[in-house]
């Protein structure tokens, strides 16, 4: 009987040892899986780096707008373009007289009453983008104009 009692103790210790080893292995495996997820999340956040916005300010315009019930009125507006790349900024700066001429023509064709609401200003911003997306030179790559920002806007 002494032999059987000693054998069962050894078996119990072997079982405890195997249970401890398997629990440790499972813990290490779980750690590796969760650590790998954290590393991939860090890589994703590291790959998305913040890019400085590119803005191009255009000198303010003062133009007569089309007559309405109050007679001839003035529009004074300053705009800044938010661009997607440096090439667009350089091209717009190079062709600034042509850009200003297009915008001056666009602004002078507006009705004063159609420039008062925020929806009207959003429509005008879309019209500005459409006007400037017309190529300034032959074989020009498309301009990356992301937004039109009104920095000054007075209708008098």
N, C-alpha and C. Protein backbone atom coordinates (compact mmCIF):
# COMPACT_ATOMS: atom_id res chain seq x y z
N UNK A 1 0.80 -1.19 0.00
CA UNK A 1 0.00 0.00 0.00
C UNK A 1 0.84 1.25 0.00
N UNK A 2 2.00 1.18 0.54
CA UNK A 2 2.86 2.33 0.57
C UNK A 2 3.25 2.72 -0.84
N UNK A 3 3.45 1.70 -1.69
CA UNK A 3 3.82 2.01 -3.07
C UNK A 3 2.70 2.72 -3.81
N UNK A 4 1.51 2.31 -3.61
CA UNK A 4 0.42 2.93 -4.33
C UNK A 4 0.18 4.35 -3.84
N UNK A 5 0.38 4.63 -2.56
CA UNK A 5 0.19 5.98 -2.04
C UNK A 5 1.27 6.90 -2.59
N UNK A 6 2.51 6.40 -2.70
CA UNK A 6 3.60 7.24 -3.25
C UNK A 6 3.41 7.49 -4.72
N UNK A 7 2.91 6.48 -5.44
CA UNK A 7 2.67 6.64 -6.88
C UNK A 7 1.57 7.65 -7.16
N UNK A 8 0.55 7.69 -6.34
CA UNK A 8 -0.53 8.63 -6.56
C UNK A 8 -0.09 10.06 -6.24
N UNK A 9 0.85 10.18 -5.28
CA UNK A 9 1.39 11.52 -4.99
C UNK A 9 2.21 12.02 -6.17
N UNK A 10 3.02 11.14 -6.73
CA UNK A 10 3.80 11.54 -7.90
C UNK A 10 2.88 11.91 -9.05
N UNK A 11 1.85 11.13 -9.24
CA UNK A 11 0.90 11.40 -10.30
C UNK A 11 0.20 12.75 -10.06
N UNK A 12 -0.13 13.02 -8.80
CA UNK A 12 -0.76 14.30 -8.47
C UNK A 12 0.20 15.45 -8.76
N UNK A 13 1.48 15.33 -8.40
CA UNK A 13 2.46 16.39 -8.67
C UNK A 13 2.69 16.55 -10.17
N UNK A 14 2.72 15.49 -10.90
CA UNK A 14 2.87 15.58 -12.37
C UNK A 14 1.66 16.29 -12.97
N UNK A 15 0.46 15.96 -12.46
CA UNK A 15 -0.76 16.61 -12.95
C UNK A 15 -0.72 18.12 -12.64
N UNK A 16 -0.31 18.48 -11.43
CA UNK A 16 -0.21 19.89 -11.05
C UNK A 16 0.80 20.61 -11.93
N UNK A 17 1.95 19.95 -12.15
CA UNK A 17 2.99 20.53 -13.00
C UNK A 17 2.47 20.71 -14.42
N UNK A 18 1.79 19.72 -14.99
CA UNK A 18 1.24 19.83 -16.34
C UNK A 18 0.16 20.91 -16.41
N UNK A 19 -0.67 20.99 -15.38
CA UNK A 19 -1.70 22.02 -15.34
C UNK A 19 -1.08 23.41 -15.29
N UNK A 20 -0.02 23.58 -14.49
CA UNK A 20 0.67 24.86 -14.39
C UNK A 20 1.33 25.23 -15.71
N UNK A 21 1.99 24.27 -16.35
CA UNK A 21 2.65 24.53 -17.63
C UNK A 21 1.63 24.88 -18.72
N UNK A 22 0.53 24.14 -18.76
CA UNK A 22 -0.47 24.43 -19.80
C UNK A 22 -1.14 25.78 -19.55
N UNK A 23 -1.39 26.13 -18.29
CA UNK A 23 -1.96 27.44 -17.98
C UNK A 23 -1.00 28.55 -18.37
N UNK A 24 0.28 28.35 -18.09
CA UNK A 24 1.29 29.34 -18.46
C UNK A 24 1.38 29.49 -19.97
N UNK A 25 1.34 28.37 -20.68
CA UNK A 25 1.41 28.42 -22.15
C UNK A 25 0.19 29.16 -22.71
N UNK A 26 -0.99 28.90 -22.13
CA UNK A 26 -2.20 29.58 -22.59
C UNK A 26 -2.09 31.08 -22.31
N UNK A 27 -1.58 31.46 -21.14
CA UNK A 27 -1.42 32.86 -20.81
C UNK A 27 -0.46 33.55 -21.77
N UNK A 28 0.66 32.91 -22.09
CA UNK A 28 1.63 33.48 -23.03
C UNK A 28 1.01 33.62 -24.41
N UNK A 29 0.24 32.62 -24.85
CA UNK A 29 -0.41 32.68 -26.16
C UNK A 29 -1.40 33.84 -26.21
N UNK A 30 -2.20 34.00 -25.17
CA UNK A 30 -3.15 35.12 -25.13
C UNK A 30 -2.43 36.45 -25.13
N UNK A 31 -1.34 36.55 -24.38
CA UNK A 31 -0.56 37.78 -24.36
C UNK A 31 -0.04 38.12 -25.75
N UNK A 32 0.47 37.10 -26.44
CA UNK A 32 1.02 37.33 -27.79
C UNK A 32 -0.08 37.80 -28.76
N UNK A 33 -1.27 37.22 -28.66
CA UNK A 33 -2.36 37.60 -29.56
C UNK A 33 -2.78 39.05 -29.29
N UNK A 34 -3.00 39.39 -28.02
CA UNK A 34 -3.42 40.74 -27.69
C UNK A 34 -2.31 41.76 -27.94
N UNK A 35 -1.08 41.39 -27.72
CA UNK A 35 0.04 42.28 -27.98
C UNK A 35 0.17 42.54 -29.48
N UNK A 36 -0.11 41.55 -30.29
CA UNK A 36 -0.04 41.70 -31.73
C UNK A 36 -1.12 42.67 -32.21
N UNK A 37 -2.31 42.61 -31.62
CA UNK A 37 -3.37 43.56 -31.98
C UNK A 37 -2.95 44.98 -31.64
N UNK A 38 -2.36 45.18 -30.46
CA UNK A 38 -1.91 46.50 -30.06
C UNK A 38 -0.82 47.01 -31.00
N UNK A 39 0.08 46.14 -31.41
CA UNK A 39 1.16 46.55 -32.31
C UNK A 39 0.59 46.95 -33.67
N UNK A 40 -0.41 46.21 -34.17
CA UNK A 40 -0.98 46.57 -35.47
C UNK A 40 -1.77 47.88 -35.35
N UNK A 41 -2.41 48.13 -34.22
CA UNK A 41 -3.11 49.40 -34.02
C UNK A 41 -2.11 50.55 -33.95
N UNK A 42 -0.97 50.33 -33.31
CA UNK A 42 0.06 51.36 -33.25
C UNK A 42 0.64 51.63 -34.63
N UNK A 43 0.84 50.58 -35.43
CA UNK A 43 1.36 50.76 -36.78
C UNK A 43 0.37 51.56 -37.62
N UNK A 44 -0.93 51.26 -37.48
CA UNK A 44 -1.95 51.98 -38.23
C UNK A 44 -1.98 53.44 -37.84
N UNK A 45 -1.94 53.72 -36.54
CA UNK A 45 -1.96 55.12 -36.12
C UNK A 45 -0.66 55.82 -36.48
N UNK A 46 0.45 55.11 -36.49
CA UNK A 46 1.72 55.72 -36.87
C UNK A 46 1.76 56.01 -38.37
N UNK A 47 1.09 55.17 -39.18
CA UNK A 47 1.12 55.38 -40.63
C UNK A 47 0.25 56.57 -41.03
N UNK A 48 -0.75 56.94 -40.23
CA UNK A 48 -1.58 58.11 -40.52
C UNK A 48 -0.94 59.30 -39.83
N UNK A 49 -0.10 59.98 -40.57
CA UNK A 49 0.56 61.13 -39.99
C UNK A 49 -0.19 62.39 -40.36
N UNK A 50 -0.15 63.35 -39.50
CA UNK A 50 -0.85 64.60 -39.71
C UNK A 50 -0.12 65.42 -40.77
N UNK A 51 -0.90 65.91 -41.72
CA UNK A 51 -0.34 66.70 -42.81
C UNK A 51 -0.82 68.13 -42.65
N UNK A 52 0.09 69.06 -42.75
CA UNK A 52 -0.25 70.48 -42.61
C UNK A 52 -1.13 70.90 -43.80
N UNK A 53 -2.18 71.67 -43.54
CA UNK A 53 -3.03 72.12 -44.65
C UNK A 53 -2.29 73.14 -45.51
N UNK A 54 -2.68 73.19 -46.76
CA UNK A 54 -2.09 74.14 -47.70
C UNK A 54 -3.17 75.17 -48.05
N UNK A 55 -2.91 76.43 -47.73
CA UNK A 55 -3.85 77.51 -47.99
C UNK A 55 -3.24 78.51 -48.96
N UNK A 56 -4.09 79.09 -49.78
CA UNK A 56 -3.67 80.15 -50.69
C UNK A 56 -4.65 81.31 -50.53
N UNK A 57 -4.15 82.41 -49.99
CA UNK A 57 -4.99 83.60 -49.82
C UNK A 57 -5.01 84.40 -51.11
N UNK A 58 -6.17 84.89 -51.45
CA UNK A 58 -6.33 85.73 -52.63
C UNK A 58 -6.77 87.10 -52.14
N UNK A 59 -6.15 88.13 -52.66
CA UNK A 59 -6.47 89.50 -52.23
C UNK A 59 -7.96 89.76 -52.39
N UNK A 60 -8.54 90.56 -51.50
CA UNK A 60 -9.99 90.81 -51.55
C UNK A 60 -10.43 91.47 -52.85
N UNK A 61 -11.69 91.23 -53.19
CA UNK A 61 -12.31 91.81 -54.38
C UNK A 61 -13.37 92.81 -53.95
N UNK A 62 -13.48 93.90 -54.69
CA UNK A 62 -14.59 94.83 -54.55
C UNK A 62 -15.20 94.97 -55.93
N UNK A 63 -16.44 94.49 -56.08
CA UNK A 63 -17.08 94.51 -57.40
C UNK A 63 -18.51 95.01 -57.29
N UNK A 64 -18.98 95.59 -58.40
CA UNK A 64 -20.39 95.92 -58.52
C UNK A 64 -21.12 94.63 -58.85
N UNK A 65 -22.21 94.38 -58.15
CA UNK A 65 -23.02 93.21 -58.47
C UNK A 65 -24.25 93.67 -59.22
N UNK A 66 -24.94 92.74 -59.84
CA UNK A 66 -26.09 93.08 -60.68
C UNK A 66 -27.13 93.87 -59.88
N UNK A 67 -27.81 94.76 -60.60
CA UNK A 67 -28.83 95.61 -59.97
C UNK A 67 -29.94 94.75 -59.39
N UNK A 68 -30.52 95.24 -58.31
CA UNK A 68 -31.72 94.62 -57.75
C UNK A 68 -32.68 95.74 -57.36
N UNK A 69 -33.60 95.48 -56.48
CA UNK A 69 -34.60 96.48 -56.08
C UNK A 69 -33.98 97.73 -55.48
N UNK A 70 -32.78 97.64 -54.95
CA UNK A 70 -32.12 98.76 -54.28
C UNK A 70 -31.12 99.48 -55.18
N UNK A 71 -31.04 99.10 -56.42
CA UNK A 71 -30.09 99.72 -57.34
C UNK A 71 -28.77 98.96 -57.36
N UNK A 72 -27.72 99.64 -57.79
CA UNK A 72 -26.40 99.02 -57.88
C UNK A 72 -25.85 98.80 -56.47
N UNK A 73 -25.29 97.62 -56.25
CA UNK A 73 -24.74 97.30 -54.93
C UNK A 73 -23.33 96.78 -55.10
N UNK A 74 -22.57 96.78 -54.00
CA UNK A 74 -21.18 96.34 -54.00
C UNK A 74 -21.01 95.04 -53.24
N UNK A 75 -20.09 94.26 -53.70
CA UNK A 75 -19.67 93.05 -52.99
C UNK A 75 -18.19 93.21 -52.68
N UNK A 76 -17.84 93.08 -51.40
CA UNK A 76 -16.45 93.08 -50.97
C UNK A 76 -16.21 91.72 -50.35
N UNK A 77 -15.31 90.94 -50.94
CA UNK A 77 -15.07 89.60 -50.43
C UNK A 77 -13.60 89.22 -50.54
N UNK A 78 -13.14 88.54 -49.51
CA UNK A 78 -11.80 87.96 -49.52
C UNK A 78 -11.95 86.46 -49.38
N UNK A 79 -11.15 85.73 -50.13
CA UNK A 79 -11.25 84.27 -50.07
C UNK A 79 -9.87 83.66 -49.87
N UNK A 80 -9.90 82.49 -49.28
CA UNK A 80 -8.70 81.66 -49.13
C UNK A 80 -9.07 80.27 -49.63
N UNK A 81 -8.22 79.70 -50.44
CA UNK A 81 -8.45 78.36 -50.97
C UNK A 81 -7.69 77.34 -50.14
N UNK A 82 -8.35 76.26 -49.78
CA UNK A 82 -7.68 75.13 -49.13
C UNK A 82 -7.38 74.13 -50.23
N UNK A 83 -6.08 73.83 -50.38
CA UNK A 83 -5.63 72.99 -51.49
C UNK A 83 -5.11 71.65 -51.00
N UNK A 84 -5.13 70.68 -51.90
CA UNK A 84 -4.70 69.33 -51.55
C UNK A 84 -3.23 69.07 -51.78
N UNK A 85 -2.57 69.89 -52.59
CA UNK A 85 -1.15 69.65 -52.84
C UNK A 85 -0.42 70.94 -53.20
N UNK A 86 0.89 70.89 -53.11
CA UNK A 86 1.74 72.06 -53.40
C UNK A 86 1.69 72.44 -54.87
N UNK A 87 1.55 71.45 -55.76
CA UNK A 87 1.54 71.74 -57.19
C UNK A 87 0.37 72.65 -57.55
N UNK A 88 -0.79 72.41 -56.92
CA UNK A 88 -1.96 73.25 -57.18
C UNK A 88 -1.69 74.68 -56.71
N UNK A 89 -1.08 74.82 -55.53
CA UNK A 89 -0.77 76.16 -55.01
C UNK A 89 0.18 76.89 -55.95
N UNK A 90 1.22 76.21 -56.39
CA UNK A 90 2.20 76.84 -57.28
C UNK A 90 1.56 77.25 -58.60
N UNK A 91 0.71 76.40 -59.15
CA UNK A 91 0.06 76.71 -60.42
C UNK A 91 -0.89 77.90 -60.28
N UNK A 92 -1.65 77.93 -59.20
CA UNK A 92 -2.57 79.05 -58.98
C UNK A 92 -1.82 80.36 -58.76
N UNK A 93 -0.71 80.31 -58.03
CA UNK A 93 0.10 81.52 -57.84
C UNK A 93 0.69 81.99 -59.16
N UNK A 94 1.13 81.08 -59.98
CA UNK A 94 1.73 81.42 -61.27
C UNK A 94 0.69 82.08 -62.19
N UNK A 95 -0.54 81.61 -62.13
CA UNK A 95 -1.60 82.13 -62.99
C UNK A 95 -2.55 83.06 -62.23
N UNK A 96 -2.10 83.72 -61.17
CA UNK A 96 -2.96 84.54 -60.33
C UNK A 96 -3.71 85.63 -61.10
N UNK A 97 -3.12 86.34 -62.06
CA UNK A 97 -3.92 87.33 -62.81
C UNK A 97 -5.11 86.69 -63.52
N UNK A 98 -4.92 85.51 -64.09
CA UNK A 98 -6.01 84.81 -64.76
C UNK A 98 -7.05 84.31 -63.74
N UNK A 99 -6.58 83.85 -62.60
CA UNK A 99 -7.48 83.39 -61.53
C UNK A 99 -8.34 84.57 -61.05
N UNK A 100 -7.71 85.71 -60.79
CA UNK A 100 -8.46 86.89 -60.32
C UNK A 100 -9.46 87.35 -61.37
N UNK A 101 -9.08 87.31 -62.64
CA UNK A 101 -9.99 87.72 -63.71
C UNK A 101 -11.22 86.81 -63.74
N UNK A 102 -11.01 85.51 -63.63
CA UNK A 102 -12.15 84.58 -63.63
C UNK A 102 -13.06 84.84 -62.44
N UNK A 103 -12.46 85.04 -61.27
CA UNK A 103 -13.26 85.27 -60.07
C UNK A 103 -14.00 86.61 -60.14
N UNK A 104 -13.33 87.64 -60.67
CA UNK A 104 -13.96 88.95 -60.82
C UNK A 104 -15.18 88.84 -61.74
N UNK A 105 -15.05 88.12 -62.82
CA UNK A 105 -16.17 87.91 -63.74
C UNK A 105 -17.31 87.16 -63.05
N UNK A 106 -16.95 86.13 -62.28
CA UNK A 106 -17.95 85.36 -61.55
C UNK A 106 -18.68 86.22 -60.53
N UNK A 107 -17.94 87.00 -59.74
CA UNK A 107 -18.55 87.83 -58.70
C UNK A 107 -19.44 88.93 -59.29
N UNK A 108 -19.00 89.56 -60.38
CA UNK A 108 -19.76 90.67 -60.95
C UNK A 108 -21.07 90.20 -61.59
N UNK A 109 -21.19 88.93 -61.86
CA UNK A 109 -22.43 88.40 -62.44
C UNK A 109 -23.44 87.97 -61.39
N UNK A 110 -23.16 88.16 -60.12
CA UNK A 110 -24.05 87.73 -59.04
C UNK A 110 -25.11 88.78 -58.74
N UNK A 111 -26.25 88.35 -58.25
CA UNK A 111 -27.29 89.22 -57.73
C UNK A 111 -27.03 89.43 -56.25
N UNK A 112 -27.13 90.65 -55.75
CA UNK A 112 -26.88 90.93 -54.34
C UNK A 112 -27.83 90.15 -53.44
N UNK A 113 -29.08 90.02 -53.86
CA UNK A 113 -30.06 89.30 -53.05
C UNK A 113 -29.77 87.81 -52.98
N UNK A 114 -28.96 87.30 -53.91
CA UNK A 114 -28.63 85.88 -53.94
C UNK A 114 -27.31 85.59 -53.23
N UNK A 115 -26.87 86.52 -52.37
CA UNK A 115 -25.60 86.33 -51.65
C UNK A 115 -25.76 86.50 -50.14
N UNK A 116 -26.99 86.50 -49.66
CA UNK A 116 -27.19 86.83 -48.25
C UNK A 116 -27.23 85.63 -47.31
N UNK A 117 -27.76 84.50 -47.75
CA UNK A 117 -27.88 83.34 -46.84
C UNK A 117 -26.63 82.48 -46.88
N UNK A 118 -26.50 81.61 -45.91
CA UNK A 118 -25.34 80.71 -45.87
C UNK A 118 -25.40 79.71 -47.04
N UNK A 119 -26.61 79.32 -47.46
CA UNK A 119 -26.73 78.42 -48.62
C UNK A 119 -26.22 79.12 -49.88
N UNK A 120 -26.50 80.43 -49.98
CA UNK A 120 -26.02 81.21 -51.13
C UNK A 120 -24.50 81.25 -51.15
N UNK A 121 -23.90 81.39 -50.00
CA UNK A 121 -22.43 81.43 -49.92
C UNK A 121 -21.83 80.05 -50.25
N UNK A 122 -22.51 78.99 -49.82
CA UNK A 122 -22.04 77.64 -50.18
C UNK A 122 -22.14 77.42 -51.69
N UNK A 123 -23.22 77.91 -52.29
CA UNK A 123 -23.37 77.79 -53.74
C UNK A 123 -22.27 78.58 -54.46
N UNK A 124 -21.99 79.78 -53.94
CA UNK A 124 -20.93 80.60 -54.53
C UNK A 124 -19.57 79.91 -54.39
N UNK A 125 -19.31 79.29 -53.25
CA UNK A 125 -18.05 78.55 -53.06
C UNK A 125 -17.95 77.42 -54.07
N UNK A 126 -19.05 76.72 -54.32
CA UNK A 126 -19.04 75.64 -55.32
C UNK A 126 -18.80 76.21 -56.71
N UNK A 127 -19.41 77.36 -57.00
CA UNK A 127 -19.20 78.02 -58.30
C UNK A 127 -17.73 78.43 -58.47
N UNK A 128 -17.11 78.89 -57.39
CA UNK A 128 -15.69 79.27 -57.45
C UNK A 128 -14.83 78.05 -57.78
N UNK A 129 -15.11 76.94 -57.11
CA UNK A 129 -14.35 75.71 -57.38
C UNK A 129 -14.55 75.28 -58.82
N UNK A 130 -15.80 75.30 -59.30
CA UNK A 130 -16.08 74.92 -60.69
C UNK A 130 -15.34 75.84 -61.67
N UNK A 131 -15.32 77.13 -61.37
CA UNK A 131 -14.65 78.09 -62.26
C UNK A 131 -13.15 77.85 -62.30
N UNK A 132 -12.56 77.54 -61.15
CA UNK A 132 -11.11 77.36 -61.10
C UNK A 132 -10.67 75.98 -61.57
N UNK A 133 -11.58 75.02 -61.64
CA UNK A 133 -11.21 73.70 -62.13
C UNK A 133 -11.11 73.66 -63.65
N UNK A 134 -11.59 74.71 -64.31
CA UNK A 134 -11.36 74.83 -65.75
C UNK A 134 -9.86 75.04 -65.94
N UNK A 135 -9.22 74.23 -66.78
CA UNK A 135 -7.75 74.31 -66.90
C UNK A 135 -7.25 75.71 -67.23
N UNK A 136 -6.16 76.08 -66.56
CA UNK A 136 -5.53 77.38 -66.79
C UNK A 136 -4.52 77.30 -67.94
N UNK A 137 -4.04 76.12 -68.24
CA UNK A 137 -3.09 75.91 -69.32
C UNK A 137 -3.40 74.58 -69.98
N UNK A 138 -2.84 74.37 -71.19
CA UNK A 138 -3.08 73.10 -71.87
C UNK A 138 -2.32 71.98 -71.17
N UNK A 139 -2.90 70.81 -71.19
CA UNK A 139 -2.32 69.60 -70.56
C UNK A 139 -2.07 69.80 -69.07
N UNK A 140 -2.96 70.50 -68.42
CA UNK A 140 -2.82 70.76 -66.98
C UNK A 140 -3.44 69.60 -66.19
N UNK A 141 -2.74 69.18 -65.15
CA UNK A 141 -3.31 68.19 -64.24
C UNK A 141 -4.44 68.86 -63.46
N UNK A 142 -5.44 68.10 -63.04
CA UNK A 142 -6.54 68.71 -62.28
C UNK A 142 -6.04 69.35 -60.98
N UNK A 143 -6.62 70.50 -60.66
CA UNK A 143 -6.27 71.18 -59.42
C UNK A 143 -6.93 70.48 -58.24
N UNK A 144 -6.25 70.46 -57.12
CA UNK A 144 -6.78 69.82 -55.91
C UNK A 144 -7.31 70.90 -54.97
N UNK A 145 -8.48 71.46 -55.31
CA UNK A 145 -9.10 72.48 -54.47
C UNK A 145 -10.08 71.76 -53.54
N UNK A 146 -9.79 71.79 -52.25
CA UNK A 146 -10.61 71.08 -51.28
C UNK A 146 -11.75 71.94 -50.74
N UNK A 147 -11.51 73.24 -50.59
CA UNK A 147 -12.53 74.09 -49.99
C UNK A 147 -12.27 75.55 -50.32
N UNK A 148 -13.32 76.34 -50.29
CA UNK A 148 -13.22 77.80 -50.44
C UNK A 148 -13.65 78.40 -49.11
N UNK A 149 -12.79 79.21 -48.53
CA UNK A 149 -13.06 79.83 -47.25
C UNK A 149 -13.23 81.33 -47.46
N UNK A 150 -14.36 81.85 -47.02
CA UNK A 150 -14.58 83.30 -47.14
C UNK A 150 -13.99 83.94 -45.89
N UNK A 151 -13.00 84.80 -46.08
CA UNK A 151 -12.38 85.48 -44.96
C UNK A 151 -12.98 86.85 -44.72
N UNK A 152 -13.62 87.40 -45.76
CA UNK A 152 -14.31 88.68 -45.67
C UNK A 152 -15.51 88.60 -46.62
N UNK A 153 -16.62 89.17 -46.21
CA UNK A 153 -17.79 89.10 -47.08
C UNK A 153 -18.78 90.19 -46.69
N UNK A 154 -18.87 91.22 -47.54
CA UNK A 154 -19.78 92.33 -47.27
C UNK A 154 -20.54 92.63 -48.56
N UNK A 155 -21.88 92.67 -48.45
CA UNK A 155 -22.72 93.11 -49.56
C UNK A 155 -23.36 94.41 -49.11
N UNK A 156 -23.15 95.48 -49.90
CA UNK A 156 -23.64 96.79 -49.50
C UNK A 156 -24.50 97.40 -50.58
